[in-house]
Amino acid sequence: KGETAGFMGRSEELTWLCAIAKNRFADEMRRRGRQAPID
């Protein structure tokens, strides 16, 4: 989509990356059907 795809200049790159990571984590937890454990 080009250089500004995803965060479109509205937020910092780190914020954009953390949003992607948060969504990826949520996807993984849904896939596993449970919450992340704390050991």
PDB file of all heavy atoms in Angstrom:
ATOM      1  N   LYS A   1       0.789  -1.226   0.000  1.00  0.00           N
ATOM      2  CA  LYS A   1       0.000   0.000   0.000  1.00  0.00           C
ATOM      3  C   LYS A   1       0.821   1.275   0.000  1.00  0.00           C
ATOM      4  O   LYS A   1       0.262   2.360   0.013  1.00  0.00           O
ATOM      5  CB  LYS A   1      -0.927   0.000   1.215  1.00  0.00           C
ATOM      6  CG  LYS A   1      -1.872  -1.183   1.206  1.00  0.00           C
ATOM      7  CD  LYS A   1      -2.670  -1.238   2.468  1.00  0.00           C
ATOM      8  CE  LYS A   1      -3.494  -2.518   2.506  1.00  0.00           C
ATOM      9  NZ  LYS A   1      -4.091  -2.746   3.790  1.00  0.00           N
ATOM     10  N   GLY A   2       2.106   1.152   0.059  1.00  0.00           N
ATOM     11  CA  GLY A   2       2.934   2.347   0.061  1.00  0.00           C
ATOM     12  C   GLY A   2       3.509   2.628   1.431  1.00  0.00           C
ATOM     13  O   GLY A   2       3.201   1.969   2.412  1.00  0.00           O
ATOM     14  N   GLU A   3       4.326   3.647   1.499  1.00  0.00           N
ATOM     15  CA  GLU A   3       5.084   3.933   2.707  1.00  0.00           C
ATOM     16  C   GLU A   3       4.220   4.224   3.920  1.00  0.00           C
ATOM     17  O   GLU A   3       4.549   3.837   5.018  1.00  0.00           O
ATOM     18  CB  GLU A   3       6.033   5.100   2.476  1.00  0.00           C
ATOM     19  CG  GLU A   3       7.183   4.714   1.583  1.00  0.00           C
ATOM     20  CD  GLU A   3       8.290   5.728   1.611  1.00  0.00           C
ATOM     21  OE1 GLU A   3       8.385   6.485   2.588  1.00  0.00           O
ATOM     22  OE2 GLU A   3       9.050   5.759   0.656  1.00  0.00           O
ATOM     23  N   THR A   4       3.130   4.942   3.764  1.00  0.00           N
ATOM     24  CA  THR A   4       2.341   5.330   4.934  1.00  0.00           C
ATOM     25  C   THR A   4       1.149   4.413   5.173  1.00  0.00           C
ATOM     26  O   THR A   4       0.283   4.741   5.964  1.00  0.00           O
ATOM     27  CB  THR A   4       1.848   6.783   4.810  1.00  0.00           C
ATOM     28  OG1 THR A   4       1.060   6.891   3.635  1.00  0.00           O
ATOM     29  CG2 THR A   4       3.006   7.747   4.784  1.00  0.00           C
ATOM     30  N   ALA A   5       1.127   3.294   4.514  1.00  0.00           N
ATOM     31  CA  ALA A   5       0.029   2.347   4.740  1.00  0.00           C
ATOM     32  C   ALA A   5       0.018   1.926   6.193  1.00  0.00           C
ATOM     33  O   ALA A   5       0.994   1.988   6.871  1.00  0.00           O
ATOM     34  CB  ALA A   5       0.235   1.122   3.852  1.00  0.00           C
ATOM     35  N   GLY A   6      -1.094   1.533   6.678  1.00  0.00           N
ATOM     36  CA  GLY A   6      -1.154   1.018   8.040  1.00  0.00           C
ATOM     37  C   GLY A   6      -1.302   2.082   9.093  1.00  0.00           C
ATOM     38  O   GLY A   6      -2.277   2.113   9.788  1.00  0.00           O
ATOM     39  N   PHE A   7      -0.316   2.979   9.201  1.00  0.00           N
ATOM     40  CA  PHE A   7      -0.472   4.004  10.224  1.00  0.00           C
ATOM     41  C   PHE A   7      -0.792   5.365   9.625  1.00  0.00           C
ATOM     42  O   PHE A   7      -1.147   6.287  10.332  1.00  0.00           O
ATOM     43  CB  PHE A   7       0.734   4.066  11.165  1.00  0.00           C
ATOM     44  CG  PHE A   7       1.999   4.609  10.564  1.00  0.00           C
ATOM     45  CD1 PHE A   7       2.355   5.920  10.771  1.00  0.00           C
ATOM     46  CD2 PHE A   7       2.841   3.795   9.843  1.00  0.00           C
ATOM     47  CE1 PHE A   7       3.535   6.407  10.255  1.00  0.00           C
ATOM     48  CE2 PHE A   7       4.017   4.280   9.330  1.00  0.00           C
ATOM     49  CZ  PHE A   7       4.371   5.586   9.530  1.00  0.00           C
ATOM     50  N   MET A   8      -0.719   5.503   8.341  1.00  0.00           N
ATOM     51  CA  MET A   8      -1.177   6.665   7.594  1.00  0.00           C
ATOM     52  C   MET A   8      -0.792   8.004   8.225  1.00  0.00           C
ATOM     53  O   MET A   8      -1.512   8.973   8.139  1.00  0.00           O
ATOM     54  CB  MET A   8      -2.696   6.616   7.396  1.00  0.00           C
ATOM     55  CG  MET A   8      -3.101   5.409   6.575  1.00  0.00           C
ATOM     56  SD  MET A   8      -4.799   5.445   6.083  1.00  0.00           S
ATOM     57  CE  MET A   8      -5.600   4.645   7.416  1.00  0.00           C
ATOM     58  N   GLY A   9       0.329   8.053   8.911  1.00  0.00           N
ATOM     59  CA  GLY A   9       0.809   9.304   9.456  1.00  0.00           C
ATOM     60  C   GLY A   9       0.056   9.801  10.668  1.00  0.00           C
ATOM     61  O   GLY A   9       0.382  10.834  11.216  1.00  0.00           O
ATOM     62  N   ARG A  10      -0.975   9.072  11.107  1.00  0.00           N
ATOM     63  CA  ARG A  10      -1.765   9.514  12.256  1.00  0.00           C
ATOM     64  C   ARG A  10      -1.117   9.120  13.572  1.00  0.00           C
ATOM     65  O   ARG A  10      -1.474   9.631  14.613  1.00  0.00           O
ATOM     66  CB  ARG A  10      -3.174   8.942  12.198  1.00  0.00           C
ATOM     67  CG  ARG A  10      -4.008   9.547  11.076  1.00  0.00           C
ATOM     68  CD  ARG A  10      -5.345   8.900  11.042  1.00  0.00           C
ATOM     69  NE  ARG A  10      -5.143   7.499  10.653  1.00  0.00           N
ATOM     70  CZ  ARG A  10      -6.054   6.553  10.743  1.00  0.00           C
ATOM     71  NH1 ARG A  10      -7.238   6.826  11.202  1.00  0.00           N
ATOM     72  NH2 ARG A  10      -5.802   5.319  10.351  1.00  0.00           N
ATOM     73  N   SER A  11      -0.227   8.194  13.552  1.00  0.00           N
ATOM     74  CA  SER A  11       0.418   7.770  14.792  1.00  0.00           C
ATOM     75  C   SER A  11       1.873   7.427  14.505  1.00  0.00           C
ATOM     76  O   SER A  11       2.285   7.317  13.357  1.00  0.00           O
ATOM     77  CB  SER A  11      -0.300   6.553  15.371  1.00  0.00           C
ATOM     78  OG  SER A  11      -0.222   5.467  14.478  1.00  0.00           O
ATOM     79  N   GLU A  12       2.620   7.260  15.548  1.00  0.00           N
ATOM     80  CA  GLU A  12       4.020   6.903  15.402  1.00  0.00           C
ATOM     81  C   GLU A  12       4.150   5.452  14.944  1.00  0.00           C
ATOM     82  O   GLU A  12       3.256   4.642  15.155  1.00  0.00           O
ATOM     83  CB  GLU A  12       4.737   7.084  16.727  1.00  0.00           C
ATOM     84  CG  GLU A  12       4.783   8.525  17.187  1.00  0.00           C
ATOM     85  CD  GLU A  12       5.490   8.669  18.513  1.00  0.00           C
ATOM     86  OE1 GLU A  12       6.326   7.801  18.853  1.00  0.00           O
ATOM     87  OE2 GLU A  12       5.206   9.644  19.209  1.00  0.00           O
ATOM     88  N   GLU A  13       5.302   5.149  14.377  1.00  0.00           N
ATOM     89  CA  GLU A  13       5.550   3.789  13.896  1.00  0.00           C
ATOM     90  C   GLU A  13       5.437   2.769  15.028  1.00  0.00           C
ATOM     91  O   GLU A  13       4.862   1.700  14.846  1.00  0.00           O
ATOM     92  CB  GLU A  13       6.934   3.710  13.250  1.00  0.00           C
ATOM     93  CG  GLU A  13       7.034   4.530  11.988  1.00  0.00           C
ATOM     94  CD  GLU A  13       8.473   4.728  11.521  1.00  0.00           C
ATOM     95  OE1 GLU A  13       9.412   4.401  12.268  1.00  0.00           O
ATOM     96  OE2 GLU A  13       8.638   5.225  10.407  1.00  0.00           O
ATOM     97  N   LEU A  14       5.985   3.096  16.208  1.00  0.00           N
ATOM     98  CA  LEU A  14       5.931   2.168  17.330  1.00  0.00           C
ATOM     99  C   LEU A  14       4.492   1.879  17.736  1.00  0.00           C
ATOM    100  O   LEU A  14       4.135   0.732  18.012  1.00  0.00           O
ATOM    101  CB  LEU A  14       6.717   2.715  18.530  1.00  0.00           C
ATOM    102  CG  LEU A  14       6.691   1.836  19.779  1.00  0.00           C
ATOM    103  CD1 LEU A  14       7.302   0.463  19.493  1.00  0.00           C
ATOM    104  CD2 LEU A  14       7.431   2.520  20.920  1.00  0.00           C
ATOM    105  N   THR A  15       3.661   2.895  17.743  1.00  0.00           N
ATOM    106  CA  THR A  15       2.253   2.706  18.095  1.00  0.00           C
ATOM    107  C   THR A  15       1.586   1.788  17.083  1.00  0.00           C
ATOM    108  O   THR A  15       0.816   0.895  17.456  1.00  0.00           O
ATOM    109  CB  THR A  15       1.534   4.069  18.139  1.00  0.00           C
ATOM    110  OG1 THR A  15       2.225   4.920  19.042  1.00  0.00           O
ATOM    111  CG2 THR A  15       0.098   3.921  18.576  1.00  0.00           C
ATOM    112  N   TRP A  16       1.860   2.006  15.823  1.00  0.00           N
ATOM    113  CA  TRP A  16       1.309   1.176  14.751  1.00  0.00           C
ATOM    114  C   TRP A  16       1.759  -0.272  14.928  1.00  0.00           C
ATOM    115  O   TRP A  16       0.950  -1.199  14.862  1.00  0.00           O
ATOM    116  CB  TRP A  16       1.747   1.744  13.406  1.00  0.00           C
ATOM    117  CG  TRP A  16       1.309   0.962  12.210  1.00  0.00           C
ATOM    118  CD1 TRP A  16       0.043   0.589  11.873  1.00  0.00           C
ATOM    119  CD2 TRP A  16       2.151   0.482  11.153  1.00  0.00           C
ATOM    120  NE1 TRP A  16       0.041  -0.095  10.682  1.00  0.00           N
ATOM    121  CE2 TRP A  16       1.323  -0.170  10.213  1.00  0.00           C
ATOM    122  CE3 TRP A  16       3.515   0.556  10.906  1.00  0.00           C
ATOM    123  CZ2 TRP A  16       1.823  -0.746   9.053  1.00  0.00           C
ATOM    124  CZ3 TRP A  16       4.007  -0.015   9.737  1.00  0.00           C
ATOM    125  CH2 TRP A  16       3.157  -0.657   8.838  1.00  0.00           C
ATOM    126  N   LEU A  17       3.049  -0.464  15.193  1.00  0.00           N
ATOM    127  CA  LEU A  17       3.569  -1.817  15.370  1.00  0.00           C
ATOM    128  C   LEU A  17       2.960  -2.505  16.600  1.00  0.00           C
ATOM    129  O   LEU A  17       2.625  -3.692  16.546  1.00  0.00           O
ATOM    130  CB  LEU A  17       5.097  -1.786  15.473  1.00  0.00           C
ATOM    131  CG  LEU A  17       5.826  -1.384  14.194  1.00  0.00           C
ATOM    132  CD1 LEU A  17       7.291  -1.086  14.495  1.00  0.00           C
ATOM    133  CD2 LEU A  17       5.691  -2.457  13.125  1.00  0.00           C
ATOM    134  N   CYS A  18       2.792  -1.759  17.684  1.00  0.00           N
ATOM    135  CA  CYS A  18       2.174  -2.342  18.888  1.00  0.00           C
ATOM    136  C   CYS A  18       0.722  -2.713  18.636  1.00  0.00           C
ATOM    137  O   CYS A  18       0.235  -3.720  19.156  1.00  0.00           O
ATOM    138  CB  CYS A  18       2.291  -1.383  20.070  1.00  0.00           C
ATOM    139  SG  CYS A  18       3.965  -1.329  20.757  1.00  0.00           S
ATOM    140  N   ALA A  19       0.030  -1.928  17.831  1.00  0.00           N
ATOM    141  CA  ALA A  19      -1.355  -2.265  17.487  1.00  0.00           C
ATOM    142  C   ALA A  19      -1.394  -3.561  16.672  1.00  0.00           C
ATOM    143  O   ALA A  19      -2.254  -4.425  16.909  1.00  0.00           O
ATOM    144  CB  ALA A  19      -2.009  -1.126  16.720  1.00  0.00           C
ATOM    145  N   ILE A  20      -0.467  -3.702  15.747  1.00  0.00           N
ATOM    146  CA  ILE A  20      -0.386  -4.948  14.968  1.00  0.00           C
ATOM    147  C   ILE A  20      -0.091  -6.121  15.907  1.00  0.00           C
ATOM    148  O   ILE A  20      -0.728  -7.178  15.817  1.00  0.00           O
ATOM    149  CB  ILE A  20       0.696  -4.854  13.863  1.00  0.00           C
ATOM    150  CG1 ILE A  20       0.311  -3.806  12.813  1.00  0.00           C
ATOM    151  CG2 ILE A  20       0.921  -6.221  13.203  1.00  0.00           C
ATOM    152  CD1 ILE A  20       1.430  -3.491  11.818  1.00  0.00           C
ATOM    153  N   ALA A  21       0.863  -5.937  16.809  1.00  0.00           N
ATOM    154  CA  ALA A  21       1.234  -7.000  17.750  1.00  0.00           C
ATOM    155  C   ALA A  21       0.057  -7.374  18.649  1.00  0.00           C
ATOM    156  O   ALA A  21      -0.192  -8.554  18.903  1.00  0.00           O
ATOM    157  CB  ALA A  21       2.435  -6.567  18.592  1.00  0.00           C
ATOM    158  N   LYS A  22      -0.659  -6.373  19.112  1.00  0.00           N
ATOM    159  CA  LYS A  22      -1.824  -6.627  19.977  1.00  0.00           C
ATOM    160  C   LYS A  22      -2.866  -7.459  19.229  1.00  0.00           C
ATOM    161  O   LYS A  22      -3.410  -8.431  19.765  1.00  0.00           O
ATOM    162  CB  LYS A  22      -2.426  -5.295  20.415  1.00  0.00           C
ATOM    163  CG  LYS A  22      -3.704  -5.406  21.181  1.00  0.00           C
ATOM    164  CD  LYS A  22      -4.245  -4.017  21.472  1.00  0.00           C
ATOM    165  CE  LYS A  22      -5.742  -4.052  21.496  1.00  0.00           C
ATOM    166  NZ  LYS A  22      -6.350  -2.745  21.585  1.00  0.00           N
ATOM    167  N   ASN A  23      -3.134  -7.101  17.984  1.00  0.00           N
ATOM    168  CA  ASN A  23      -4.103  -7.851  17.184  1.00  0.00           C
ATOM    169  C   ASN A  23      -3.608  -9.265  16.892  1.00  0.00           C
ATOM    170  O   ASN A  23      -4.391 -10.224  16.921  1.00  0.00           O
ATOM    171  CB  ASN A  23      -4.406  -7.110  15.884  1.00  0.00           C
ATOM    172  CG  ASN A  23      -5.169  -5.839  16.132  1.00  0.00           C
ATOM    173  OD1 ASN A  23      -5.875  -5.700  17.121  1.00  0.00           O
ATOM    174  ND2 ASN A  23      -5.017  -4.876  15.241  1.00  0.00           N
ATOM    175  N   ARG A  24      -2.324  -9.405  16.629  1.00  0.00           N
ATOM    176  CA  ARG A  24      -1.742 -10.729  16.368  1.00  0.00           C
ATOM    177  C   ARG A  24      -1.836 -11.606  17.623  1.00  0.00           C
ATOM    178  O   ARG A  24      -2.148 -12.787  17.544  1.00  0.00           O
ATOM    179  CB  ARG A  24      -0.296 -10.550  15.903  1.00  0.00           C
ATOM    180  CG  ARG A  24       0.475 -11.824  15.696  1.00  0.00           C
ATOM    181  CD  ARG A  24      -0.122 -12.702  14.613  1.00  0.00           C
ATOM    182  NE  ARG A  24       0.638 -13.910  14.490  1.00  0.00           N
ATOM    183  CZ  ARG A  24       0.432 -15.013  15.218  1.00  0.00           C
ATOM    184  NH1 ARG A  24      -0.535 -15.059  16.101  1.00  0.00           N
ATOM    185  NH2 ARG A  24       1.181 -16.075  15.045  1.00  0.00           N
ATOM    186  N   PHE A  25      -1.577 -11.007  18.794  1.00  0.00           N
ATOM    187  CA  PHE A  25      -1.705 -11.728  20.058  1.00  0.00           C
ATOM    188  C   PHE A  25      -3.151 -12.173  20.282  1.00  0.00           C
ATOM    189  O   PHE A  25      -3.407 -13.324  20.658  1.00  0.00           O
ATOM    190  CB  PHE A  25      -1.228 -10.849  21.221  1.00  0.00           C
ATOM    191  CG  PHE A  25      -1.492 -11.448  22.576  1.00  0.00           C
ATOM    192  CD1 PHE A  25      -0.758 -12.527  23.030  1.00  0.00           C
ATOM    193  CD2 PHE A  25      -2.471 -10.925  23.404  1.00  0.00           C
ATOM    194  CE1 PHE A  25      -0.996 -13.086  24.287  1.00  0.00           C
ATOM    195  CE2 PHE A  25      -2.715 -11.474  24.650  1.00  0.00           C
ATOM    196  CZ  PHE A  25      -1.978 -12.553  25.092  1.00  0.00           C
ATOM    197  N   ALA A  26      -4.095 -11.278  20.039  1.00  0.00           N
ATOM    198  CA  ALA A  26      -5.515 -11.617  20.205  1.00  0.00           C
ATOM    199  C   ALA A  26      -5.900 -12.768  19.270  1.00  0.00           C
ATOM    200  O   ALA A  26      -6.618 -13.688  19.670  1.00  0.00           O
ATOM    201  CB  ALA A  26      -6.388 -10.397  19.945  1.00  0.00           C
ATOM    202  N   ASP A  27      -5.412 -12.713  18.030  1.00  0.00           N
ATOM    203  CA  ASP A  27      -5.671 -13.797  17.076  1.00  0.00           C
ATOM    204  C   ASP A  27      -5.126 -15.123  17.608  1.00  0.00           C
ATOM    205  O   ASP A  27      -5.790 -16.159  17.517  1.00  0.00           O
ATOM    206  CB  ASP A  27      -5.024 -13.506  15.721  1.00  0.00           C
ATOM    207  CG  ASP A  27      -5.659 -12.350  14.988  1.00  0.00           C
ATOM    208  OD1 ASP A  27      -6.787 -11.934  15.354  1.00  0.00           O
ATOM    209  OD2 ASP A  27      -5.020 -11.842  14.038  1.00  0.00           O
ATOM    210  N   GLU A  28      -3.917 -15.077  18.140  1.00  0.00           N
ATOM    211  CA  GLU A  28      -3.281 -16.289  18.652  1.00  0.00           C
ATOM    212  C   GLU A  28      -4.059 -16.861  19.842  1.00  0.00           C
ATOM    213  O   GLU A  28      -4.259 -18.069  19.944  1.00  0.00           O
ATOM    214  CB  GLU A  28      -1.834 -15.996  19.056  1.00  0.00           C
ATOM    215  CG  GLU A  28      -1.075 -17.205  19.538  1.00  0.00           C
ATOM    216  CD  GLU A  28      -0.861 -18.267  18.478  1.00  0.00           C
ATOM    217  OE1 GLU A  28      -0.890 -17.957  17.269  1.00  0.00           O
ATOM    218  OE2 GLU A  28      -0.654 -19.440  18.862  1.00  0.00           O
ATOM    219  N   MET A  29      -4.520 -15.999  20.735  1.00  0.00           N
ATOM    220  CA  MET A  29      -5.278 -16.463  21.894  1.00  0.00           C
ATOM    221  C   MET A  29      -6.623 -17.043  21.467  1.00  0.00           C
ATOM    222  O   MET A  29      -7.073 -18.046  22.015  1.00  0.00           O
ATOM    223  CB  MET A  29      -5.473 -15.345  22.917  1.00  0.00           C
ATOM    224  CG  MET A  29      -4.189 -14.908  23.613  1.00  0.00           C
ATOM    225  SD  MET A  29      -3.316 -16.261  24.444  1.00  0.00           S
ATOM    226  CE  MET A  29      -1.993 -16.617  23.299  1.00  0.00           C
ATOM    227  N   ARG A  30      -7.257 -16.412  20.480  1.00  0.00           N
ATOM    228  CA  ARG A  30      -8.514 -16.976  19.965  1.00  0.00           C
ATOM    229  C   ARG A  30      -8.254 -18.330  19.330  1.00  0.00           C
ATOM    230  O   ARG A  30      -9.017 -19.273  19.504  1.00  0.00           O
ATOM    231  CB  ARG A  30      -9.149 -16.024  18.946  1.00  0.00           C
ATOM    232  CG  ARG A  30      -9.970 -14.934  19.569  1.00  0.00           C
ATOM    233  CD  ARG A  30     -10.800 -14.205  18.532  1.00  0.00           C
ATOM    234  NE  ARG A  30      -9.987 -13.484  17.568  1.00  0.00           N
ATOM    235  CZ  ARG A  30      -9.518 -12.252  17.748  1.00  0.00           C
ATOM    236  NH1 ARG A  30      -9.782 -11.606  18.864  1.00  0.00           N
ATOM    237  NH2 ARG A  30      -8.799 -11.665  16.818  1.00  0.00           N
ATOM    238  N   ARG A  31      -7.170 -18.431  18.576  1.00  0.00           N
ATOM    239  CA  ARG A  31      -6.822 -19.690  17.921  1.00  0.00           C
ATOM    240  C   ARG A  31      -6.594 -20.789  18.955  1.00  0.00           C
ATOM    241  O   ARG A  31      -7.043 -21.920  18.792  1.00  0.00           O
ATOM    242  CB  ARG A  31      -5.568 -19.516  17.063  1.00  0.00           C
ATOM    243  CG  ARG A  31      -5.225 -20.744  16.228  1.00  0.00           C
ATOM    244  CD  ARG A  31      -3.920 -20.594  15.483  1.00  0.00           C
ATOM    245  NE  ARG A  31      -2.755 -20.632  16.335  1.00  0.00           N
ATOM    246  CZ  ARG A  31      -2.239 -21.731  16.900  1.00  0.00           C
ATOM    247  NH1 ARG A  31      -2.807 -22.889  16.707  1.00  0.00           N
ATOM    248  NH2 ARG A  31      -1.165 -21.676  17.653  1.00  0.00           N
ATOM    249  N   ARG A  32      -5.956 -20.439  20.026  1.00  0.00           N
ATOM    250  CA  ARG A  32      -5.676 -21.417  21.077  1.00  0.00           C
ATOM    251  C   ARG A  32      -6.873 -21.656  21.978  1.00  0.00           C
ATOM    252  O   ARG A  32      -6.897 -22.630  22.720  1.00  0.00           O
ATOM    253  CB  ARG A  32      -4.496 -20.961  21.932  1.00  0.00           C
ATOM    254  CG  ARG A  32      -3.194 -20.953  21.186  1.00  0.00           C
ATOM    255  CD  ARG A  32      -2.084 -20.501  22.071  1.00  0.00           C
ATOM    256  NE  ARG A  32      -0.821 -20.482  21.329  1.00  0.00           N
ATOM    257  CZ  ARG A  32       0.349 -20.547  21.899  1.00  0.00           C
ATOM    258  NH1 ARG A  32       0.446 -20.625  23.214  1.00  0.00           N
ATOM    259  NH2 ARG A  32       1.439 -20.517  21.168  1.00  0.00           N
ATOM    260  N   GLY A  33      -7.812 -20.730  21.964  1.00  0.00           N
ATOM    261  CA  GLY A  33      -9.015 -20.888  22.761  1.00  0.00           C
ATOM    262  C   GLY A  33      -8.794 -20.724  24.252  1.00  0.00           C
ATOM    263  O   GLY A  33      -9.528 -21.275  25.057  1.00  0.00           O
ATOM    264  N   ARG A  34      -7.783 -19.954  24.618  1.00  0.00           N
ATOM    265  CA  ARG A  34      -7.516 -19.723  26.044  1.00  0.00           C
ATOM    266  C   ARG A  34      -6.727 -18.434  26.202  1.00  0.00           C
ATOM    267  O   ARG A  34      -6.308 -17.829  25.239  1.00  0.00           O
ATOM    268  CB  ARG A  34      -6.730 -20.867  26.647  1.00  0.00           C
ATOM    269  CG  ARG A  34      -5.361 -21.044  25.995  1.00  0.00           C
ATOM    270  CD  ARG A  34      -4.586 -22.151  26.696  1.00  0.00           C
ATOM    271  NE  ARG A  34      -3.326 -22.398  26.037  1.00  0.00           N
ATOM    272  CZ  ARG A  34      -2.233 -21.673  26.188  1.00  0.00           C
ATOM    273  NH1 ARG A  34      -2.228 -20.627  26.971  1.00  0.00           N
ATOM    274  NH2 ARG A  34      -1.116 -21.965  25.555  1.00  0.00           N
ATOM    275  N   GLN A  35      -6.526 -18.049  27.450  1.00  0.00           N
ATOM    276  CA  GLN A  35      -5.738 -16.867  27.727  1.00  0.00           C
ATOM    277  C   GLN A  35      -4.291 -17.264  27.977  1.00  0.00           C
ATOM    278  O   GLN A  35      -3.998 -18.403  28.309  1.00  0.00           O
ATOM    279  CB  GLN A  35      -6.277 -16.136  28.945  1.00  0.00           C
ATOM    280  CG  GLN A  35      -7.644 -15.566  28.689  1.00  0.00           C
ATOM    281  CD  GLN A  35      -7.916 -14.367  29.558  1.00  0.00           C
ATOM    282  OE1 GLN A  35      -7.140 -14.058  30.427  1.00  0.00           O
ATOM    283  NE2 GLN A  35      -9.015 -13.724  29.301  1.00  0.00           N
ATOM    284  N   ALA A  36      -3.395 -16.291  27.827  1.00  0.00           N
ATOM    285  CA  ALA A  36      -1.973 -16.541  28.038  1.00  0.00           C
ATOM    286  C   ALA A  36      -1.711 -16.870  29.501  1.00  0.00           C
ATOM    287  O   ALA A  36      -2.176 -16.173  30.380  1.00  0.00           O
ATOM    288  CB  ALA A  36      -1.153 -15.321  27.629  1.00  0.00           C
ATOM    289  N   PRO A  37      -0.961 -17.945  29.763  1.00  0.00           N
ATOM    290  CA  PRO A  37      -0.669 -18.311  31.145  1.00  0.00           C
ATOM    291  C   PRO A  37       0.456 -17.465  31.732  1.00  0.00           C
ATOM    292  O   PRO A  37       1.278 -16.932  31.011  1.00  0.00           O
ATOM    293  CB  PRO A  37      -0.218 -19.767  31.024  1.00  0.00           C
ATOM    294  CG  PRO A  37       0.412 -19.828  29.671  1.00  0.00           C
ATOM    295  CD  PRO A  37      -0.406 -18.882  28.812  1.00  0.00           C
ATOM    296  N   ILE A  38       0.463 -17.400  33.050  1.00  0.00           N
ATOM    297  CA  ILE A  38       1.585 -16.793  33.753  1.00  0.00           C
ATOM    298  C   ILE A  38       2.234 -17.910  34.540  1.00  0.00           C
ATOM    299  O   ILE A  38       1.603 -18.544  35.383  1.00  0.00           O
ATOM    300  CB  ILE A  38       1.132 -15.669  34.702  1.00  0.00           C
ATOM    301  CG1 ILE A  38       0.602 -14.494  33.900  1.00  0.00           C
ATOM    302  CG2 ILE A  38       2.274 -15.231  35.601  1.00  0.00           C
ATOM    303  CD1 ILE A  38       0.145 -13.335  34.748  1.00  0.00           C
ATOM    304  N   ASP A  39       3.480 -18.192  34.257  1.00  0.00           N
ATOM    305  CA  ASP A  39       4.223 -19.225  34.962  1.00  0.00           C
ATOM    306  C   ASP A  39       5.097 -18.548  36.018  1.00  0.00           C
ATOM    307  O   ASP A  39       6.084 -17.909  35.682  1.00  0.00           O
ATOM    308  CB  ASP A  39       5.095 -20.006  33.981  1.00  0.00           C
ATOM    309  CG  ASP A  39       5.820 -21.159  34.641  1.00  0.00           C
ATOM    310  OD1 ASP A  39       5.776 -21.268  35.886  1.00  0.00           O
ATOM    311  OD2 ASP A  39       6.436 -21.945  33.903  1.00  0.00           O
TER     312      ASP A  39
END
